[in-house]
Amino acid sequence: MAGPLTPQDAALYRNPHSTLPMPGGGSDMPVAYYQSTKLPLTWNFLPADNVYQAVWQTPVFNLRPDLRSAGGSPKTGVPIWNTSSRLYVQISNLVNSSASTTQGLRVTAREQASIAYGDVRTGFSSVENVTSPVDVTSDVMLGTGQPDRVVLVFAPLGESYPVRFWSVRLVFRKDPSDWASDQIIHVESAYY
């Protein structure tokens, strides 16, 4: 993970008078919004694979916060109260940091989820990989006229009611011949 991603607004956890599973009505409803900090990728060389790699991951989202008190489970994950919300991941500085920033770049996305409770506050997460890595390189590298930033959109598993706990992990890879230390790529996300 590139760094801690925390909610920008304490209203996400607002629950006046401990009215779990739902907060008080009207204006006391928590907002259905999350935004991460814009962070540069941290690249590491993996000698076994002879490749440079950077990993970025969202926090675990609780997409069914209305179930927070079911079974006595504590409030865990970043609560998203709108079941039709989507995760938007913005990748930027693709052409401004170096002429070869996207040359040889490969990007995969993988979803992690769980239908059951996991106490993510203590570092334990019950989310596991639920998809194979999906190559999203063509969504990031757009060839001639490459824009400086792209936005990827992710929808959680489930149709009208998403899986309860969910996160997304992006893996960026470059061969040593295509990598340079001045290639600074930034990633940030928002869920609404």
Protein backbone atom coordinates (compact mmCIF):
# COMPACT_ATOMS: atom_id res chain seq x y z
CA MET A 1 0.00 0.00 0.00
CA ALA A 2 1.36 3.38 -0.93
CA GLY A 3 0.38 4.95 2.38
CA PRO A 4 -2.48 5.24 4.83
CA LEU A 5 -5.72 6.33 3.22
CA THR A 6 -8.11 7.89 5.69
CA PRO A 7 -11.54 9.44 5.31
CA GLN A 8 -11.47 13.20 4.89
CA ASP A 9 -14.67 13.67 6.83
CA ALA A 10 -15.57 12.30 10.27
CA ALA A 11 -19.23 12.44 9.19
CA LEU A 12 -18.68 9.07 7.55
CA TYR A 13 -18.83 7.53 11.02
CA ARG A 14 -21.49 9.78 12.47
CA ASN A 15 -24.08 7.85 14.42
CA PRO A 16 -25.87 10.09 16.93
CA HIS A 17 -27.05 8.44 20.14
CA SER A 18 -25.70 5.04 19.01
CA THR A 19 -28.66 4.30 16.80
CA LEU A 20 -26.98 1.39 15.01
CA PRO A 21 -27.50 -0.13 12.54
CA MET A 22 -28.70 3.13 10.98
CA PRO A 23 -28.00 6.66 12.16
CA GLY A 24 -30.71 9.09 13.18
CA GLY A 25 -32.93 10.24 10.34
CA GLY A 26 -32.86 13.45 8.35
CA SER A 27 -29.72 15.53 8.43
CA ASP A 28 -27.82 13.03 10.59
CA MET A 29 -27.34 10.59 7.70
CA PRO A 30 -23.61 10.05 7.01
CA VAL A 31 -22.32 11.24 3.68
CA ALA A 32 -21.64 8.68 0.96
CA TYR A 33 -18.22 9.99 0.02
CA TYR A 34 -14.59 9.02 0.44
CA GLN A 35 -11.46 10.65 -0.99
CA SER A 36 -7.86 9.52 -0.60
CA THR A 37 -4.72 11.59 -0.55
CA LYS A 38 -2.83 11.99 -3.82
CA LEU A 39 0.31 9.87 -3.42
CA PRO A 40 3.29 9.09 -5.64
CA LEU A 41 3.92 5.43 -6.41
CA THR A 42 6.83 3.84 -4.58
CA TRP A 43 8.79 1.58 -6.92
CA ASN A 44 10.71 -1.48 -5.74
CA PHE A 45 13.00 -3.72 -7.75
CA LEU A 46 12.06 -7.41 -7.63
CA PRO A 47 15.24 -9.35 -8.54
CA ALA A 48 13.41 -12.68 -8.87
CA ASP A 49 11.18 -11.22 -11.60
CA ASN A 50 13.76 -8.71 -12.92
CA VAL A 51 11.11 -5.99 -12.82
CA TYR A 52 10.31 -2.73 -11.04
CA GLN A 53 6.96 -2.84 -9.30
CA ALA A 54 4.70 -0.39 -7.44
CA VAL A 55 1.52 -1.42 -5.61
CA TRP A 56 -1.39 0.84 -4.74
CA GLN A 57 -4.47 -0.30 -2.82
CA THR A 58 -7.65 1.24 -1.52
CA PRO A 59 -8.69 0.81 2.08
CA VAL A 60 -11.37 -1.77 2.77
CA PHE A 61 -14.78 -0.25 2.09
CA ASN A 62 -17.85 -1.32 4.04
CA LEU A 63 -20.51 -1.18 1.34
CA ARG A 64 -23.29 -2.34 3.65
CA PRO A 65 -22.83 -0.14 6.74
CA ASP A 66 -26.51 -0.69 7.54
CA LEU A 67 -25.38 -4.13 8.77
CA ARG A 68 -22.73 -2.76 11.15
CA SER A 69 -24.39 -4.03 14.32
CA ALA A 70 -25.57 -7.34 12.86
CA GLY A 71 -24.11 -10.18 14.89
CA GLY A 72 -22.41 -7.73 17.25
CA SER A 73 -19.76 -6.76 14.73
CA PRO A 74 -17.97 -3.44 15.28
CA LYS A 75 -17.83 -0.60 12.79
CA THR A 76 -15.06 -1.56 10.38
CA GLY A 77 -14.05 -0.42 6.94
CA VAL A 78 -14.78 2.93 5.34
CA PRO A 79 -18.59 3.12 5.23
CA ILE A 80 -20.17 3.92 1.88
CA TRP A 81 -23.90 4.45 2.33
CA ASN A 82 -24.96 4.67 -1.31
CA THR A 83 -25.17 1.23 -2.95
CA SER A 84 -24.96 2.74 -6.45
CA SER A 85 -21.64 4.51 -5.73
CA ARG A 86 -18.53 3.78 -7.78
CA LEU A 87 -14.80 3.93 -7.08
CA TYR A 88 -12.88 6.40 -9.27
CA VAL A 89 -9.09 6.02 -9.42
CA GLN A 90 -7.15 8.87 -10.99
CA ILE A 91 -3.64 8.15 -12.24
CA SER A 92 -1.71 11.31 -13.09
CA ASN A 93 1.65 12.67 -14.20
CA LEU A 94 1.80 10.16 -17.02
CA VAL A 95 3.55 12.47 -19.48
CA ASN A 96 4.86 15.40 -17.45
CA SER A 97 7.51 13.68 -15.34
CA SER A 98 9.46 11.98 -18.11
CA ALA A 99 9.07 11.45 -21.83
CA SER A 100 9.15 7.69 -21.23
CA THR A 101 6.90 7.43 -18.17
CA THR A 102 4.39 5.14 -19.86
CA GLN A 103 6.89 3.27 -22.07
CA GLY A 104 6.78 -0.39 -21.09
CA LEU A 105 4.29 0.28 -18.28
CA ARG A 106 1.96 -2.61 -17.42
CA VAL A 107 -0.94 -2.20 -15.01
CA THR A 108 -3.20 -4.87 -13.50
CA ALA A 109 -6.22 -4.49 -11.22
CA ARG A 110 -7.52 -7.05 -8.76
CA GLU A 111 -10.58 -6.94 -6.53
CA GLN A 112 -10.70 -8.23 -2.98
CA ALA A 113 -13.91 -8.84 -1.08
CA SER A 114 -15.65 -10.62 1.76
CA ILE A 115 -19.27 -11.24 2.63
CA ALA A 116 -18.46 -11.61 6.33
CA TYR A 117 -17.23 -9.46 9.16
CA GLY A 118 -13.52 -8.65 9.48
CA ASP A 119 -11.95 -6.27 11.98
CA VAL A 120 -9.93 -4.07 9.63
CA ARG A 121 -9.17 -1.60 12.45
CA THR A 122 -6.56 -3.93 13.95
CA GLY A 123 -4.88 -4.73 10.66
CA PHE A 124 -6.80 -7.97 10.21
CA SER A 125 -8.77 -8.00 7.03
CA SER A 126 -11.02 -10.80 5.95
CA VAL A 127 -10.97 -9.57 2.37
CA GLU A 128 -9.36 -12.00 -0.05
CA ASN A 129 -8.75 -11.96 -3.79
CA VAL A 130 -12.01 -12.63 -5.61
CA THR A 131 -10.87 -11.86 -9.16
CA SER A 132 -7.84 -12.76 -11.19
CA PRO A 133 -5.53 -9.87 -12.06
CA VAL A 134 -7.11 -7.94 -14.95
CA ASP A 135 -4.82 -6.17 -17.40
CA VAL A 136 -5.92 -2.52 -17.50
CA THR A 137 -2.81 -1.27 -19.31
CA SER A 138 -4.82 -0.20 -22.36
CA ASP A 139 -6.98 2.01 -20.09
CA VAL A 140 -3.87 3.79 -18.77
CA MET A 141 -1.68 3.94 -21.88
CA LEU A 142 -3.62 5.60 -24.66
CA GLY A 143 -0.86 5.83 -27.28
CA THR A 144 -0.49 8.90 -29.49
CA GLY A 145 -1.82 11.95 -27.69
CA GLN A 146 -1.42 10.28 -24.28
CA PRO A 147 -3.16 12.50 -21.69
CA ASP A 148 -1.36 13.38 -18.48
CA ARG A 149 -4.05 11.66 -16.40
CA VAL A 150 -6.61 8.91 -16.74
CA VAL A 151 -9.54 7.87 -14.57
CA LEU A 152 -10.43 4.22 -14.00
CA VAL A 153 -13.91 3.35 -12.72
CA PHE A 154 -14.66 0.28 -10.61
CA ALA A 155 -18.00 -1.15 -9.52
CA PRO A 156 -18.10 -3.61 -6.60
CA LEU A 157 -19.29 -7.18 -6.88
CA GLY A 158 -23.04 -7.60 -6.66
CA GLU A 159 -25.85 -5.99 -8.57
CA SER A 160 -28.25 -3.71 -6.73
CA TYR A 161 -26.75 -4.73 -3.36
CA PRO A 162 -22.94 -4.91 -3.35
CA VAL A 163 -20.76 -7.31 -1.41
CA ARG A 164 -20.21 -6.06 2.14
CA PHE A 165 -16.40 -5.53 2.31
CA TRP A 166 -14.50 -4.62 -0.86
CA SER A 167 -11.17 -3.15 -2.01
CA VAL A 168 -9.15 -2.73 -5.21
CA ARG A 169 -5.43 -3.27 -5.71
CA LEU A 170 -3.43 -1.91 -8.67
CA VAL A 171 -0.01 -3.28 -9.58
CA PHE A 172 2.28 -1.24 -11.84
CA ARG A 173 5.27 -2.98 -13.47
CA LYS A 174 8.15 -1.89 -15.70
CA ASP A 175 11.19 -3.70 -17.05
CA PRO A 176 14.57 -2.25 -15.96
CA SER A 177 15.23 -1.03 -19.51
CA ASP A 178 12.06 1.12 -19.38
CA TRP A 179 12.39 2.40 -15.80
CA ALA A 180 13.91 5.70 -14.63
CA SER A 181 13.85 7.25 -11.16
CA ASP A 182 12.31 10.52 -12.39
CA GLN A 183 9.12 8.76 -13.53
CA ILE A 184 6.82 9.89 -10.75
CA ILE A 185 3.26 8.66 -11.18
CA HIS A 186 0.56 9.78 -8.74
CA VAL A 187 -2.58 7.88 -7.76
CA GLU A 188 -5.63 9.08 -5.86
CA SER A 189 -9.16 7.82 -5.48
CA ALA A 190 -12.68 8.87 -4.60
CA TYR A 191 -15.75 6.78 -3.87
CA TYR A 192 -19.16 8.36 -4.46
